[in-house]
Amino acid sequence: WDGRWVYAPLGYRVLYDHLADPYERRNLFSAETYARRRRMLHVLMVAMAENHEDPALAALKRTASG
Protein backbone atom coordinates (compact mmCIF):
# COMPACT_ATOMS: atom_id res chain seq x y z
CA TRP A 1 0.00 0.00 0.00
CA ASP A 2 1.53 3.28 -1.06
CA GLY A 3 -1.46 5.53 -0.55
CA ARG A 4 -2.96 4.62 -3.90
CA TRP A 5 -1.90 1.13 -4.91
CA VAL A 6 -2.37 -2.12 -2.98
CA TYR A 7 0.14 -4.72 -4.14
CA ALA A 8 0.61 -8.23 -2.81
CA PRO A 9 2.70 -10.68 -4.87
CA LEU A 10 2.49 -13.61 -2.46
CA GLY A 11 -0.57 -15.73 -1.81
CA TYR A 12 -3.56 -14.05 -3.43
CA ARG A 13 -1.46 -11.86 -5.79
CA VAL A 14 -3.39 -8.62 -6.00
CA LEU A 15 -3.00 -5.16 -7.45
CA TYR A 16 -5.71 -2.60 -6.75
CA ASP A 17 -5.87 1.07 -7.65
CA HIS A 18 -7.66 2.74 -4.74
CA LEU A 19 -8.10 5.96 -6.69
CA ALA A 20 -10.15 4.25 -9.40
CA ASP A 21 -11.40 1.28 -7.36
CA PRO A 22 -11.63 2.09 -3.63
CA TYR A 23 -13.68 -1.06 -2.92
CA GLU A 24 -11.11 -3.39 -4.50
CA ARG A 25 -13.49 -4.97 -6.97
CA ARG A 26 -11.11 -5.22 -9.93
CA ASN A 27 -7.86 -7.08 -9.38
CA LEU A 28 -5.38 -5.69 -11.92
CA PHE A 29 -2.53 -8.07 -11.09
CA SER A 30 -2.79 -10.11 -14.30
CA ALA A 31 -3.51 -7.17 -16.60
CA GLU A 32 -0.55 -6.63 -18.93
CA THR A 33 -1.31 -2.90 -18.92
CA TYR A 34 -0.12 -2.77 -15.31
CA ALA A 35 3.06 -4.86 -15.69
CA ARG A 36 5.31 -1.83 -15.27
CA ARG A 37 3.42 -0.71 -12.15
CA ARG A 38 3.74 -4.24 -10.68
CA ARG A 39 7.48 -4.28 -11.30
CA MET A 40 7.92 -0.85 -9.73
CA LEU A 41 5.90 -1.79 -6.64
CA HIS A 42 7.76 -5.10 -6.38
CA VAL A 43 11.13 -3.34 -6.37
CA LEU A 44 9.88 -0.97 -3.65
CA MET A 45 8.52 -3.86 -1.60
CA VAL A 46 11.81 -5.79 -1.78
CA ALA A 47 13.73 -2.65 -0.76
CA MET A 48 11.42 -2.10 2.22
CA ALA A 49 11.76 -5.74 3.25
CA GLU A 50 15.56 -5.46 3.09
CA ASN A 51 15.56 -2.28 5.17
CA HIS A 52 13.37 -3.84 7.85
CA GLU A 53 14.89 -7.34 7.83
CA ASP A 54 11.48 -8.73 6.95
CA PRO A 55 11.33 -12.55 7.16
CA ALA A 56 9.34 -12.55 3.89
CA LEU A 57 12.33 -11.14 2.00
CA ALA A 58 13.52 -14.49 0.65
CA ALA A 59 10.04 -15.32 -0.67
CA LEU A 60 9.73 -11.88 -2.25
CA LYS A 61 13.04 -12.27 -4.03
CA ARG A 62 11.91 -15.66 -5.43
CA THR A 63 8.60 -14.20 -6.61
CA ALA A 64 8.41 -12.37 -9.88
CA SER A 65 6.24 -9.28 -10.06
CA GLY A 66 3.97 -10.96 -12.58
PDB file of N, CA and C in Angstrom:
ATOM      1  N   TRP A   1       0.851  -1.170   0.000  1.00  0.00           N
ATOM      2  CA  TRP A   1       0.000   0.000   0.000  1.00  0.00           C
ATOM      3  C   TRP A   1       0.893   1.227   0.000  1.00  0.00           C
ATOM      4  N   ASP A   2       0.723   2.061  -0.990  1.00  0.00           N
ATOM      5  CA  ASP A   2       1.530   3.284  -1.061  1.00  0.00           C
ATOM      6  C   ASP A   2       0.677   4.544  -1.018  1.00  0.00           C
ATOM      7  N   GLY A   3      -0.549   4.403  -0.574  1.00  0.00           N
ATOM      8  CA  GLY A   3      -1.459   5.532  -0.550  1.00  0.00           C
ATOM      9  C   GLY A   3      -2.441   5.505  -1.712  1.00  0.00           C
ATOM     10  N   ARG A   4      -2.073   4.799  -2.756  1.00  0.00           N
ATOM     11  CA  ARG A   4      -2.960   4.624  -3.899  1.00  0.00           C
ATOM     12  C   ARG A   4      -3.076   3.162  -4.290  1.00  0.00           C
ATOM     13  N   TRP A   5      -1.944   2.500  -4.417  1.00  0.00           N
ATOM     14  CA  TRP A   5      -1.903   1.127  -4.907  1.00  0.00           C
ATOM     15  C   TRP A   5      -1.766   0.125  -3.773  1.00  0.00           C
ATOM     16  N   VAL A   6      -2.526  -0.970  -3.866  1.00  0.00           N
ATOM     17  CA  VAL A   6      -2.367  -2.120  -2.975  1.00  0.00           C
ATOM     18  C   VAL A   6      -1.747  -3.219  -3.830  1.00  0.00           C
ATOM     19  N   TYR A   7      -0.577  -3.701  -3.377  1.00  0.00           N
ATOM     20  CA  TYR A   7       0.142  -4.718  -4.139  1.00  0.00           C
ATOM     21  C   TYR A   7       0.537  -5.836  -3.203  1.00  0.00           C
ATOM     22  N   ALA A   8       0.222  -7.063  -3.585  1.00  0.00           N
ATOM     23  CA  ALA A   8       0.610  -8.234  -2.811  1.00  0.00           C
ATOM     24  C   ALA A   8       0.981  -9.348  -3.787  1.00  0.00           C
ATOM     25  N   PRO A   9       2.274  -9.679  -3.900  1.00  0.00           N
ATOM     26  CA  PRO A   9       2.703 -10.680  -4.870  1.00  0.00           C
ATOM     27  C   PRO A   9       2.688 -12.108  -4.346  1.00  0.00           C
ATOM     28  N   LEU A  10       2.487 -12.277  -3.068  1.00  0.00           N
ATOM     29  CA  LEU A  10       2.486 -13.613  -2.465  1.00  0.00           C
ATOM     30  C   LEU A  10       1.054 -14.008  -2.125  1.00  0.00           C
ATOM     31  N   GLY A  11       0.773 -15.279  -2.168  1.00  0.00           N
ATOM     32  CA  GLY A  11      -0.573 -15.732  -1.807  1.00  0.00           C
ATOM     33  C   GLY A  11      -1.597 -15.349  -2.864  1.00  0.00           C
ATOM     34  N   TYR A  12      -2.469 -14.414  -2.534  1.00  0.00           N
ATOM     35  CA  TYR A  12      -3.562 -14.047  -3.432  1.00  0.00           C
ATOM     36  C   TYR A  12      -3.130 -13.284  -4.684  1.00  0.00           C
ATOM     37  N   ARG A  13      -1.995 -12.635  -4.666  1.00  0.00           N
ATOM     38  CA  ARG A  13      -1.462 -11.862  -5.790  1.00  0.00           C
ATOM     39  C   ARG A  13      -2.482 -10.834  -6.269  1.00  0.00           C
ATOM     40  N   VAL A  14      -2.427  -9.671  -5.667  1.00  0.00           N
ATOM     41  CA  VAL A  14      -3.388  -8.622  -5.998  1.00  0.00           C
ATOM     42  C   VAL A  14      -2.689  -7.312  -6.343  1.00  0.00           C
ATOM     43  N   LEU A  15      -3.374  -6.534  -7.143  1.00  0.00           N
ATOM     44  CA  LEU A  15      -3.002  -5.162  -7.447  1.00  0.00           C
ATOM     45  C   LEU A  15      -4.300  -4.385  -7.595  1.00  0.00           C
ATOM     46  N   TYR A  16      -4.515  -3.435  -6.704  1.00  0.00           N
ATOM     47  CA  TYR A  16      -5.711  -2.601  -6.749  1.00  0.00           C
ATOM     48  C   TYR A  16      -5.311  -1.137  -6.801  1.00  0.00           C
ATOM     49  N   ASP A  17      -6.050  -0.370  -7.567  1.00  0.00           N
ATOM     50  CA  ASP A  17      -5.871   1.070  -7.651  1.00  0.00           C
ATOM     51  C   ASP A  17      -6.977   1.708  -6.820  1.00  0.00           C
ATOM     52  N   HIS A  18      -6.632   2.181  -5.631  1.00  0.00           N
ATOM     53  CA  HIS A  18      -7.656   2.737  -4.741  1.00  0.00           C
ATOM     54  C   HIS A  18      -8.215   4.060  -5.224  1.00  0.00           C
ATOM     55  N   LEU A  19      -7.542   4.738  -6.129  1.00  0.00           N
ATOM     56  CA  LEU A  19      -8.098   5.963  -6.690  1.00  0.00           C
ATOM     57  C   LEU A  19      -9.276   5.634  -7.606  1.00  0.00           C
ATOM     58  N   ALA A  20      -9.099   4.645  -8.458  1.00  0.00           N
ATOM     59  CA  ALA A  20     -10.146   4.253  -9.399  1.00  0.00           C
ATOM     60  C   ALA A  20     -11.091   3.190  -8.845  1.00  0.00           C
ATOM     61  N   ASP A  21     -10.635   2.429  -7.871  1.00  0.00           N
ATOM     62  CA  ASP A  21     -11.395   1.280  -7.363  1.00  0.00           C
ATOM     63  C   ASP A  21     -11.243   1.170  -5.835  1.00  0.00           C
ATOM     64  N   PRO A  22     -11.834   2.084  -5.079  1.00  0.00           N
ATOM     65  CA  PRO A  22     -11.634   2.091  -3.626  1.00  0.00           C
ATOM     66  C   PRO A  22     -12.198   0.862  -2.907  1.00  0.00           C
ATOM     67  N   TYR A  23     -13.093   0.125  -3.552  1.00  0.00           N
ATOM     68  CA  TYR A  23     -13.679  -1.059  -2.923  1.00  0.00           C
ATOM     69  C   TYR A  23     -13.007  -2.360  -3.365  1.00  0.00           C
ATOM     70  N   GLU A  24     -11.902  -2.235  -4.077  1.00  0.00           N
ATOM     71  CA  GLU A  24     -11.106  -3.390  -4.504  1.00  0.00           C
ATOM     72  C   GLU A  24     -11.958  -4.449  -5.208  1.00  0.00           C
ATOM     73  N   ARG A  25     -12.649  -4.037  -6.220  1.00  0.00           N
ATOM     74  CA  ARG A  25     -13.494  -4.967  -6.971  1.00  0.00           C
ATOM     75  C   ARG A  25     -12.822  -5.494  -8.225  1.00  0.00           C
ATOM     76  N   ARG A  26     -11.769  -4.816  -8.689  1.00  0.00           N
ATOM     77  CA  ARG A  26     -11.106  -5.224  -9.927  1.00  0.00           C
ATOM     78  C   ARG A  26      -9.624  -5.458  -9.663  1.00  0.00           C
ATOM     79  N   ASN A  27      -9.252  -6.719  -9.601  1.00  0.00           N
ATOM     80  CA  ASN A  27      -7.855  -7.084  -9.381  1.00  0.00           C
ATOM     81  C   ASN A  27      -7.098  -6.919 -10.694  1.00  0.00           C
ATOM     82  N   LEU A  28      -6.128  -6.016 -10.702  1.00  0.00           N
ATOM     83  CA  LEU A  28      -5.375  -5.694 -11.915  1.00  0.00           C
ATOM     84  C   LEU A  28      -4.078  -6.473 -12.047  1.00  0.00           C
ATOM     85  N   PHE A  29      -3.824  -7.393 -11.136  1.00  0.00           N
ATOM     86  CA  PHE A  29      -2.528  -8.069 -11.094  1.00  0.00           C
ATOM     87  C   PHE A  29      -2.163  -8.728 -12.421  1.00  0.00           C
ATOM     88  N   SER A  30      -3.090  -9.368 -13.064  1.00  0.00           N
ATOM     89  CA  SER A  30      -2.789 -10.108 -14.297  1.00  0.00           C
ATOM     90  C   SER A  30      -2.894  -9.259 -15.556  1.00  0.00           C
ATOM     91  N   ALA A  31      -3.341  -8.034 -15.425  1.00  0.00           N
ATOM     92  CA  ALA A  31      -3.511  -7.173 -16.598  1.00  0.00           C
ATOM     93  C   ALA A  31      -2.147  -6.697 -17.099  1.00  0.00           C
ATOM     94  N   GLU A  32      -1.846  -7.008 -18.347  1.00  0.00           N
ATOM     95  CA  GLU A  32      -0.552  -6.633 -18.932  1.00  0.00           C
ATOM     96  C   GLU A  32      -0.326  -5.118 -18.895  1.00  0.00           C
ATOM     97  N   THR A  33      -1.398  -4.364 -18.963  1.00  0.00           N
ATOM     98  CA  THR A  33      -1.312  -2.904 -18.922  1.00  0.00           C
ATOM     99  C   THR A  33      -0.609  -2.408 -17.656  1.00  0.00           C
ATOM    100  N   TYR A  34      -0.680  -3.181 -16.595  1.00  0.00           N
ATOM    101  CA  TYR A  34      -0.116  -2.770 -15.311  1.00  0.00           C
ATOM    102  C   TYR A  34       1.192  -3.485 -14.967  1.00  0.00           C
ATOM    103  N   ALA A  35       1.813  -4.131 -15.930  1.00  0.00           N
ATOM    104  CA  ALA A  35       3.058  -4.862 -15.685  1.00  0.00           C
ATOM    105  C   ALA A  35       4.154  -3.943 -15.145  1.00  0.00           C
ATOM    106  N   ARG A  36       4.284  -2.779 -15.739  1.00  0.00           N
ATOM    107  CA  ARG A  36       5.312  -1.831 -15.273  1.00  0.00           C
ATOM    108  C   ARG A  36       5.047  -1.385 -13.835  1.00  0.00           C
ATOM    109  N   ARG A  37       3.793  -1.117 -13.519  1.00  0.00           N
ATOM    110  CA  ARG A  37       3.417  -0.714 -12.150  1.00  0.00           C
ATOM    111  C   ARG A  37       3.736  -1.837 -11.172  1.00  0.00           C
ATOM    112  N   ARG A  38       3.429  -3.096 -11.547  1.00  0.00           N
ATOM    113  CA  ARG A  38       3.736  -4.245 -10.682  1.00  0.00           C
ATOM    114  C   ARG A  38       5.230  -4.323 -10.413  1.00  0.00           C
ATOM    115  N   ARG A  39       6.028  -4.199 -11.470  1.00  0.00           N
ATOM    116  CA  ARG A  39       7.483  -4.279 -11.300  1.00  0.00           C
ATOM    117  C   ARG A  39       7.991  -3.181 -10.373  1.00  0.00           C
ATOM    118  N   MET A  40       7.499  -1.963 -10.566  1.00  0.00           N
ATOM    119  CA  MET A  40       7.923  -0.849  -9.728  1.00  0.00           C
ATOM    120  C   MET A  40       7.553  -1.089  -8.256  1.00  0.00           C
ATOM    121  N   LEU A  41       6.334  -1.521  -8.020  1.00  0.00           N
ATOM    122  CA  LEU A  41       5.896  -1.795  -6.644  1.00  0.00           C
ATOM    123  C   LEU A  41       6.661  -2.969  -6.051  1.00  0.00           C
ATOM    124  N   HIS A  42       6.998  -3.953  -6.874  1.00  0.00           N
ATOM    125  CA  HIS A  42       7.758  -5.103  -6.382  1.00  0.00           C
ATOM    126  C   HIS A  42       9.158  -4.673  -5.931  1.00  0.00           C
ATOM    127  N   VAL A  43       9.799  -3.848  -6.732  1.00  0.00           N
ATOM    128  CA  VAL A  43      11.127  -3.343  -6.366  1.00  0.00           C
ATOM    129  C   VAL A  43      11.053  -2.567  -5.049  1.00  0.00           C
ATOM    130  N   LEU A  44      10.049  -1.726  -4.900  1.00  0.00           N
ATOM    131  CA  LEU A  44       9.881  -0.975  -3.652  1.00  0.00           C
ATOM    132  C   LEU A  44       9.637  -1.903  -2.467  1.00  0.00           C
ATOM    133  N   MET A  45       8.819  -2.938  -2.689  1.00  0.00           N
ATOM    134  CA  MET A  45       8.516  -3.864  -1.604  1.00  0.00           C
ATOM    135  C   MET A  45       9.761  -4.631  -1.162  1.00  0.00           C
ATOM    136  N   VAL A  46      10.563  -5.080  -2.114  1.00  0.00           N
ATOM    137  CA  VAL A  46      11.807  -5.787  -1.778  1.00  0.00           C
ATOM    138  C   VAL A  46      12.743  -4.858  -1.019  1.00  0.00           C
ATOM    139  N   ALA A  47      12.869  -3.616  -1.445  1.00  0.00           N
ATOM    140  CA  ALA A  47      13.728  -2.654  -0.755  1.00  0.00           C
ATOM    141  C   ALA A  47      13.256  -2.417   0.673  1.00  0.00           C
ATOM    142  N   MET A  48      11.960  -2.293   0.869  1.00  0.00           N
ATOM    143  CA  MET A  48      11.422  -2.104   2.222  1.00  0.00           C
ATOM    144  C   MET A  48      11.688  -3.337   3.083  1.00  0.00           C
ATOM    145  N   ALA A  49      11.518  -4.508   2.508  1.00  0.00           N
ATOM    146  CA  ALA A  49      11.760  -5.744   3.252  1.00  0.00           C
ATOM    147  C   ALA A  49      13.229  -5.852   3.657  1.00  0.00           C
ATOM    148  N   GLU A  50      14.131  -5.443   2.764  1.00  0.00           N
ATOM    149  CA  GLU A  50      15.562  -5.459   3.093  1.00  0.00           C
ATOM    150  C   GLU A  50      15.870  -4.487   4.223  1.00  0.00           C
ATOM    151  N   ASN A  51      15.308  -3.302   4.144  1.00  0.00           N
ATOM    152  CA  ASN A  51      15.561  -2.281   5.167  1.00  0.00           C
ATOM    153  C   ASN A  51      15.038  -2.661   6.537  1.00  0.00           C
ATOM    154  N   HIS A  52      14.009  -3.482   6.577  1.00  0.00           N
ATOM    155  CA  HIS A  52      13.374  -3.843   7.850  1.00  0.00           C
ATOM    156  C   HIS A  52      13.636  -5.291   8.257  1.00  0.00           C
ATOM    157  N   GLU A  53      14.556  -5.941   7.545  1.00  0.00           N
ATOM    158  CA  GLU A  53      14.893  -7.337   7.831  1.00  0.00           C
ATOM    159  C   GLU A  53      13.636  -8.198   7.935  1.00  0.00           C
ATOM    160  N   ASP A  54      12.753  -8.017   6.993  1.00  0.00           N
ATOM    161  CA  ASP A  54      11.482  -8.734   6.949  1.00  0.00           C
ATOM    162  C   ASP A  54      11.731 -10.209   6.651  1.00  0.00           C
ATOM    163  N   PRO A  55      11.138 -11.119   7.421  1.00  0.00           N
ATOM    164  CA  PRO A  55      11.328 -12.547   7.164  1.00  0.00           C
ATOM    165  C   PRO A  55      10.749 -12.994   5.820  1.00  0.00           C
ATOM    166  N   ALA A  56       9.914 -12.199   5.196  1.00  0.00           N
ATOM    167  CA  ALA A  56       9.341 -12.550   3.894  1.00  0.00           C
ATOM    168  C   ALA A  56      10.275 -12.184   2.744  1.00  0.00           C
ATOM    169  N   LEU A  57      11.424 -11.600   3.036  1.00  0.00           N
ATOM    170  CA  LEU A  57      12.333 -11.136   1.998  1.00  0.00           C
ATOM    171  C   LEU A  57      12.727 -12.235   1.028  1.00  0.00           C
ATOM    172  N   ALA A  58      13.093 -13.397   1.525  1.00  0.00           N
ATOM    173  CA  ALA A  58      13.515 -14.493   0.649  1.00  0.00           C
ATOM    174  C   ALA A  58      12.393 -14.879  -0.310  1.00  0.00           C
ATOM    175  N   ALA A  59      11.176 -14.966   0.188  1.00  0.00           N
ATOM    176  CA  ALA A  59      10.042 -15.324  -0.665  1.00  0.00           C
ATOM    177  C   ALA A  59       9.788 -14.232  -1.699  1.00  0.00           C
ATOM    178  N   LEU A  60       9.920 -12.980  -1.309  1.00  0.00           N
ATOM    179  CA  LEU A  60       9.726 -11.876  -2.247  1.00  0.00           C
ATOM    180  C   LEU A  60      10.751 -11.925  -3.371  1.00  0.00           C
ATOM    181  N   LYS A  61      11.986 -12.229  -3.031  1.00  0.00           N
ATOM    182  CA  LYS A  61      13.036 -12.272  -4.034  1.00  0.00           C
ATOM    183  C   LYS A  61      12.822 -13.428  -5.016  1.00  0.00           C
ATOM    184  N   ARG A  62      12.193 -14.512  -4.557  1.00  0.00           N
ATOM    185  CA  ARG A  62      11.909 -15.655  -5.435  1.00  0.00           C
ATOM    186  C   ARG A  62      10.691 -15.403  -6.309  1.00  0.00           C
ATOM    187  N   THR A  63       9.862 -14.459  -5.915  1.00  0.00           N
ATOM    188  CA  THR A  63       8.602 -14.196  -6.605  1.00  0.00           C
ATOM    189  C   THR A  63       8.779 -13.105  -7.637  1.00  0.00           C
ATOM    190  N   ALA A  64       8.388 -13.397  -8.845  1.00  0.00           N
ATOM    191  CA  ALA A  64       8.406 -12.367  -9.885  1.00  0.00           C
ATOM    192  C   ALA A  64       7.230 -11.428  -9.670  1.00  0.00           C
ATOM    193  N   SER A  65       7.310 -10.270 -10.225  1.00  0.00           N
ATOM    194  CA  SER A  65       6.244  -9.284 -10.062  1.00  0.00           C
ATOM    195  C   SER A  65       5.049  -9.562 -10.968  1.00  0.00           C
ATOM    196  N   GLY A  66       5.112 -10.604 -11.734  1.00  0.00           N
ATOM    197  CA  GLY A  66       3.974 -10.964 -12.579  1.00  0.00           C
ATOM    198  C   GLY A  66       4.268 -10.784 -13.952  1.00  0.00           C
TER     199      GLY A  66
END
